[in-house]
Amino acid sequence: MKLTYTNVNGYLILNLTYKSGNQMEQLGKYGFLRRDYLKNHRNSLYQVMLLQDTIGEHLLEVDKEARKREEIIMKQLEGKDPLPDKEKDQMAWVRAGNRHRVIAEEIILKELIYV
């Protein structure tokens, strides 16, 4: 294993790489939101996960669960409050769809991201 260093103001800093790098490329919106939350509000947990190289797996799992949850919530909302006919009133259809999406996202943020 070859170690490389970067010279920063006369100090040699070790260039660290981690296996989770490939997983980070696959992250979606909710994974990035979770990462930002951990960095800003649970920094010690974030640092531990980063050092143990488990952050990528965690973020991918949260992203996957959030997307599944979003589908379920959207179906439940459409069951309770059906979307209007798109052909008759397209703007009302868009408004209702956006309203459902915002509600689903708010639930996901509270349940999965900001915990």
C-alpha atoms as a PDB file:
ATOM      1  CA  MET A   1       0.000   0.000   0.000  1.00  0.00           C
ATOM      2  CA  LYS A   2       1.518   3.285  -1.100  1.00  0.00           C
ATOM      3  CA  LEU A   3       0.895   6.322   1.089  1.00  0.00           C
ATOM      4  CA  THR A   4       0.701   9.760  -0.484  1.00  0.00           C
ATOM      5  CA  TYR A   5       0.903  13.136   1.166  1.00  0.00           C
ATOM      6  CA  THR A   6      -0.093  16.698   0.362  1.00  0.00           C
ATOM      7  CA  ASN A   7       2.130  19.598   1.385  1.00  0.00           C
ATOM      8  CA  VAL A   8       0.081  22.262   3.160  1.00  0.00           C
ATOM      9  CA  ASN A   9       2.115  25.220   4.438  1.00  0.00           C
ATOM     10  CA  GLY A  10       5.121  23.028   5.100  1.00  0.00           C
ATOM     11  CA  TYR A  11       3.145  20.230   6.774  1.00  0.00           C
ATOM     12  CA  LEU A  12       2.709  16.858   5.094  1.00  0.00           C
ATOM     13  CA  ILE A  13      -0.914  15.766   5.362  1.00  0.00           C
ATOM     14  CA  LEU A  14      -1.741  12.123   4.652  1.00  0.00           C
ATOM     15  CA  ASN A  15      -4.174  11.667   1.754  1.00  0.00           C
ATOM     16  CA  LEU A  16      -6.881   9.450   3.194  1.00  0.00           C
ATOM     17  CA  THR A  17      -9.326   7.525   1.074  1.00  0.00           C
ATOM     18  CA  TYR A  18     -12.241   5.435   2.197  1.00  0.00           C
ATOM     19  CA  LYS A  19     -14.241   2.620   0.650  1.00  0.00           C
ATOM     20  CA  SER A  20     -17.529   4.495   1.001  1.00  0.00           C
ATOM     21  CA  GLY A  21     -16.514   6.866  -1.787  1.00  0.00           C
ATOM     22  CA  ASN A  22     -18.211   4.745  -4.463  1.00  0.00           C
ATOM     23  CA  GLN A  23     -21.375   4.535  -2.386  1.00  0.00           C
ATOM     24  CA  MET A  24     -21.446   8.310  -1.975  1.00  0.00           C
ATOM     25  CA  GLU A  25     -21.715   8.669  -5.758  1.00  0.00           C
ATOM     26  CA  GLN A  26     -24.990   6.719  -5.703  1.00  0.00           C
ATOM     27  CA  LEU A  27     -26.678   8.921  -3.093  1.00  0.00           C
ATOM     28  CA  GLY A  28     -29.913  10.687  -3.800  1.00  0.00           C
ATOM     29  CA  LYS A  29     -31.604  13.699  -2.282  1.00  0.00           C
ATOM     30  CA  TYR A  30     -32.457  12.097   1.058  1.00  0.00           C
ATOM     31  CA  GLY A  31     -28.990  10.634   1.515  1.00  0.00           C
ATOM     32  CA  PHE A  32     -27.424  14.061   1.059  1.00  0.00           C
ATOM     33  CA  LEU A  33     -29.951  15.626   3.433  1.00  0.00           C
ATOM     34  CA  ARG A  34     -29.091  13.022   6.066  1.00  0.00           C
ATOM     35  CA  ARG A  35     -25.358  13.592   5.546  1.00  0.00           C
ATOM     36  CA  ASP A  36     -25.770  17.349   5.966  1.00  0.00           C
ATOM     37  CA  TYR A  37     -27.863  16.850   9.101  1.00  0.00           C
ATOM     38  CA  LEU A  38     -25.252  14.557  10.628  1.00  0.00           C
ATOM     39  CA  LYS A  39     -22.430  16.957   9.737  1.00  0.00           C
ATOM     40  CA  ASN A  40     -24.168  20.004  11.184  1.00  0.00           C
ATOM     41  CA  HIS A  41     -26.092  18.607  14.162  1.00  0.00           C
ATOM     42  CA  ARG A  42     -24.573  15.240  15.089  1.00  0.00           C
ATOM     43  CA  ASN A  43     -20.969  15.859  14.163  1.00  0.00           C
ATOM     44  CA  SER A  44     -19.473  13.360  16.622  1.00  0.00           C
ATOM     45  CA  LEU A  45     -21.655  10.557  15.219  1.00  0.00           C
ATOM     46  CA  TYR A  46     -20.761  11.648  11.694  1.00  0.00           C
ATOM     47  CA  GLN A  47     -17.027  11.593  12.495  1.00  0.00           C
ATOM     48  CA  VAL A  48     -17.254   8.136  14.088  1.00  0.00           C
ATOM     49  CA  MET A  49     -19.136   6.752  11.085  1.00  0.00           C
ATOM     50  CA  LEU A  50     -16.641   8.372   8.738  1.00  0.00           C
ATOM     51  CA  LEU A  51     -13.659   6.896  10.582  1.00  0.00           C
ATOM     52  CA  GLN A  52     -15.277   3.453  10.754  1.00  0.00           C
ATOM     53  CA  ASP A  53     -16.123   3.745   7.047  1.00  0.00           C
ATOM     54  CA  THR A  54     -19.811   3.020   7.640  1.00  0.00           C
ATOM     55  CA  ILE A  55     -21.157   6.387   6.514  1.00  0.00           C
ATOM     56  CA  GLY A  56     -21.732   5.310   2.904  1.00  0.00           C
ATOM     57  CA  GLU A  57     -23.773   2.262   3.872  1.00  0.00           C
ATOM     58  CA  HIS A  58     -25.808   4.297   6.354  1.00  0.00           C
ATOM     59  CA  LEU A  59     -26.603   7.072   3.894  1.00  0.00           C
ATOM     60  CA  LEU A  60     -27.531   4.638   1.126  1.00  0.00           C
ATOM     61  CA  GLU A  61     -29.842   2.779   3.492  1.00  0.00           C
ATOM     62  CA  VAL A  62     -31.527   5.997   4.632  1.00  0.00           C
ATOM     63  CA  ASP A  63     -31.933   7.132   1.018  1.00  0.00           C
ATOM     64  CA  LYS A  64     -33.434   3.780  -0.007  1.00  0.00           C
ATOM     65  CA  GLU A  65     -35.840   3.707   2.945  1.00  0.00           C
ATOM     66  CA  ALA A  66     -36.879   7.315   2.333  1.00  0.00           C
ATOM     67  CA  ARG A  67     -37.738   6.592  -1.299  1.00  0.00           C
ATOM     68  CA  LYS A  68     -39.804   3.542  -0.319  1.00  0.00           C
ATOM     69  CA  ARG A  69     -41.568   5.563   2.355  1.00  0.00           C
ATOM     70  CA  GLU A  70     -42.247   8.368  -0.134  1.00  0.00           C
ATOM     71  CA  GLU A  71     -43.999   5.944  -2.503  1.00  0.00           C
ATOM     72  CA  ILE A  72     -46.143   4.552   0.297  1.00  0.00           C
ATOM     73  CA  ILE A  73     -47.117   7.986   1.599  1.00  0.00           C
ATOM     74  CA  MET A  74     -47.935   9.269  -1.890  1.00  0.00           C
ATOM     75  CA  LYS A  75     -50.251   6.286  -2.512  1.00  0.00           C
ATOM     76  CA  GLN A  76     -51.953   6.825   0.855  1.00  0.00           C
ATOM     77  CA  LEU A  77     -52.449  10.528   0.154  1.00  0.00           C
ATOM     78  CA  GLU A  78     -53.865   9.846  -3.300  1.00  0.00           C
ATOM     79  CA  GLY A  79     -56.254   7.339  -1.743  1.00  0.00           C
ATOM     80  CA  LYS A  80     -57.521   9.868   0.798  1.00  0.00           C
ATOM     81  CA  ASP A  81     -57.405  12.921  -1.476  1.00  0.00           C
ATOM     82  CA  PRO A  82     -57.499  11.840  -5.148  1.00  0.00           C
ATOM     83  CA  LEU A  83     -55.860  14.057  -7.721  1.00  0.00           C
ATOM     84  CA  PRO A  84     -58.256  16.006  -9.959  1.00  0.00           C
ATOM     85  CA  ASP A  85     -58.641  15.045 -13.591  1.00  0.00           C
ATOM     86  CA  LYS A  86     -55.537  16.175 -15.462  1.00  0.00           C
ATOM     87  CA  GLU A  87     -57.447  16.710 -18.711  1.00  0.00           C
ATOM     88  CA  LYS A  88     -60.016  19.088 -17.185  1.00  0.00           C
ATOM     89  CA  ASP A  89     -57.798  21.230 -14.955  1.00  0.00           C
ATOM     90  CA  GLN A  90     -54.079  20.690 -15.349  1.00  0.00           C
ATOM     91  CA  MET A  91     -53.080  23.419 -12.884  1.00  0.00           C
ATOM     92  CA  ALA A  92     -55.256  21.933 -10.122  1.00  0.00           C
ATOM     93  CA  TRP A  93     -53.705  18.533 -10.847  1.00  0.00           C
ATOM     94  CA  VAL A  94     -50.177  20.005 -10.518  1.00  0.00           C
ATOM     95  CA  ARG A  95     -51.097  21.856  -7.302  1.00  0.00           C
ATOM     96  CA  ALA A  96     -52.553  18.736  -5.724  1.00  0.00           C
ATOM     97  CA  GLY A  97     -49.554  16.625  -6.766  1.00  0.00           C
ATOM     98  CA  ASN A  98     -47.133  19.189  -5.360  1.00  0.00           C
ATOM     99  CA  ARG A  99     -49.126  19.402  -2.133  1.00  0.00           C
ATOM    100  CA  HIS A 100     -48.947  15.609  -1.749  1.00  0.00           C
ATOM    101  CA  ARG A 101     -45.209  15.630  -2.452  1.00  0.00           C
ATOM    102  CA  VAL A 102     -44.565  18.340   0.137  1.00  0.00           C
ATOM    103  CA  ILE A 103     -46.565  16.476   2.773  1.00  0.00           C
ATOM    104  CA  ALA A 104     -44.708  13.231   2.023  1.00  0.00           C
ATOM    105  CA  GLU A 105     -41.335  14.961   2.158  1.00  0.00           C
ATOM    106  CA  GLU A 106     -42.140  16.620   5.482  1.00  0.00           C
ATOM    107  CA  ILE A 107     -43.077  13.261   7.003  1.00  0.00           C
ATOM    108  CA  ILE A 108     -39.899  11.647   5.682  1.00  0.00           C
ATOM    109  CA  LEU A 109     -37.732  14.456   7.029  1.00  0.00           C
ATOM    110  CA  LYS A 110     -39.216  14.059  10.505  1.00  0.00           C
ATOM    111  CA  GLU A 111     -39.197  10.242  10.526  1.00  0.00           C
ATOM    112  CA  LEU A 112     -35.919   9.368   8.808  1.00  0.00           C
ATOM    113  CA  ILE A 113     -33.633  12.317   8.178  1.00  0.00           C
ATOM    114  CA  TYR A 114     -33.700  14.492  11.292  1.00  0.00           C
ATOM    115  CA  VAL A 115     -33.416  11.779  13.962  1.00  0.00           C
END
